[in-house]
């Protein structure tokens, strides 16, 4: 095993943090796509109108 030193550890931490942030952005769902999905659940009776309205309000807030 080799010693990468403090600078190397900081570089690795920055790269890992950046990769994590990119992955979080890619997995975030478009709110309008999510609204369509929720509307489908509402139409099927899986969720109630109140549940749909609450989720919709949360998605549109940002």
Protein backbone atom coordinates (compact mmCIF):
# COMPACT_ATOMS: atom_id res chain seq x y z
CA UNK A 1 0.00 0.00 0.00
CA UNK A 2 1.22 3.50 -0.70
CA UNK A 3 0.73 6.79 1.11
CA UNK A 4 -1.23 9.31 -0.94
CA UNK A 5 -0.92 12.03 1.65
CA UNK A 6 -3.35 14.70 2.71
CA UNK A 7 -3.55 16.32 -0.73
CA UNK A 8 -4.38 12.97 -2.33
CA UNK A 9 -7.06 12.23 0.25
CA UNK A 10 -8.62 15.67 -0.32
CA UNK A 11 -8.61 15.11 -4.09
CA UNK A 12 -10.28 11.74 -3.67
CA UNK A 13 -12.91 13.25 -1.35
CA UNK A 14 -13.66 16.04 -3.84
CA UNK A 15 -14.01 13.62 -6.75
CA UNK A 16 -16.24 11.27 -4.75
CA UNK A 17 -18.39 14.18 -3.58
CA UNK A 18 -18.79 15.44 -7.13
CA UNK A 19 -19.76 11.99 -8.41
CA UNK A 20 -22.31 11.71 -5.59
CA UNK A 21 -23.84 15.10 -6.49
CA UNK A 22 -24.08 14.15 -10.17
CA UNK A 23 -25.80 10.88 -9.27
CA UNK A 24 -28.29 12.76 -7.08
CA UNK A 25 -29.13 15.13 -9.94
CA UNK A 26 -29.60 12.29 -12.41
CA UNK A 27 -31.97 10.41 -10.11
CA UNK A 28 -34.12 13.41 -9.33
CA UNK A 29 -37.45 13.00 -11.10
CA UNK A 30 -38.93 15.71 -13.28
CA UNK A 31 -41.89 17.06 -11.27
CA UNK A 32 -44.21 16.91 -14.28
CA UNK A 33 -43.33 13.28 -14.94
CA UNK A 34 -44.01 12.55 -11.28
CA UNK A 35 -47.35 14.37 -11.50
CA UNK A 36 -48.35 12.20 -14.45
CA UNK A 37 -47.40 9.08 -12.49
CA UNK A 38 -49.37 10.23 -9.45
CA UNK A 39 -52.36 11.12 -11.61
CA UNK A 40 -52.33 7.59 -12.99
CA UNK A 41 -52.35 6.23 -9.44
CA UNK A 42 -55.26 8.54 -8.62
CA UNK A 43 -57.26 7.33 -11.61
CA UNK A 44 -56.63 3.71 -10.61
CA UNK A 45 -57.80 4.42 -7.06
CA UNK A 46 -54.42 3.64 -5.53
CA UNK A 47 -54.21 7.07 -3.88
CA UNK A 48 -56.92 9.47 -2.78
CA UNK A 49 -57.58 12.95 -4.16
CA UNK A 50 -56.24 14.42 -0.90
CA UNK A 51 -53.01 12.43 -1.23
CA UNK A 52 -52.65 13.50 -4.86
CA UNK A 53 -53.26 17.15 -3.99
CA UNK A 54 -50.71 17.05 -1.17
CA UNK A 55 -48.03 15.47 -3.38
CA UNK A 56 -48.84 17.89 -6.20
CA UNK A 57 -48.44 20.90 -3.92
CA UNK A 58 -45.10 19.57 -2.68
CA UNK A 59 -43.80 18.96 -6.19
CA UNK A 60 -44.83 22.37 -7.48
CA UNK A 61 -43.23 24.15 -4.51
CA UNK A 62 -39.88 22.97 -5.72
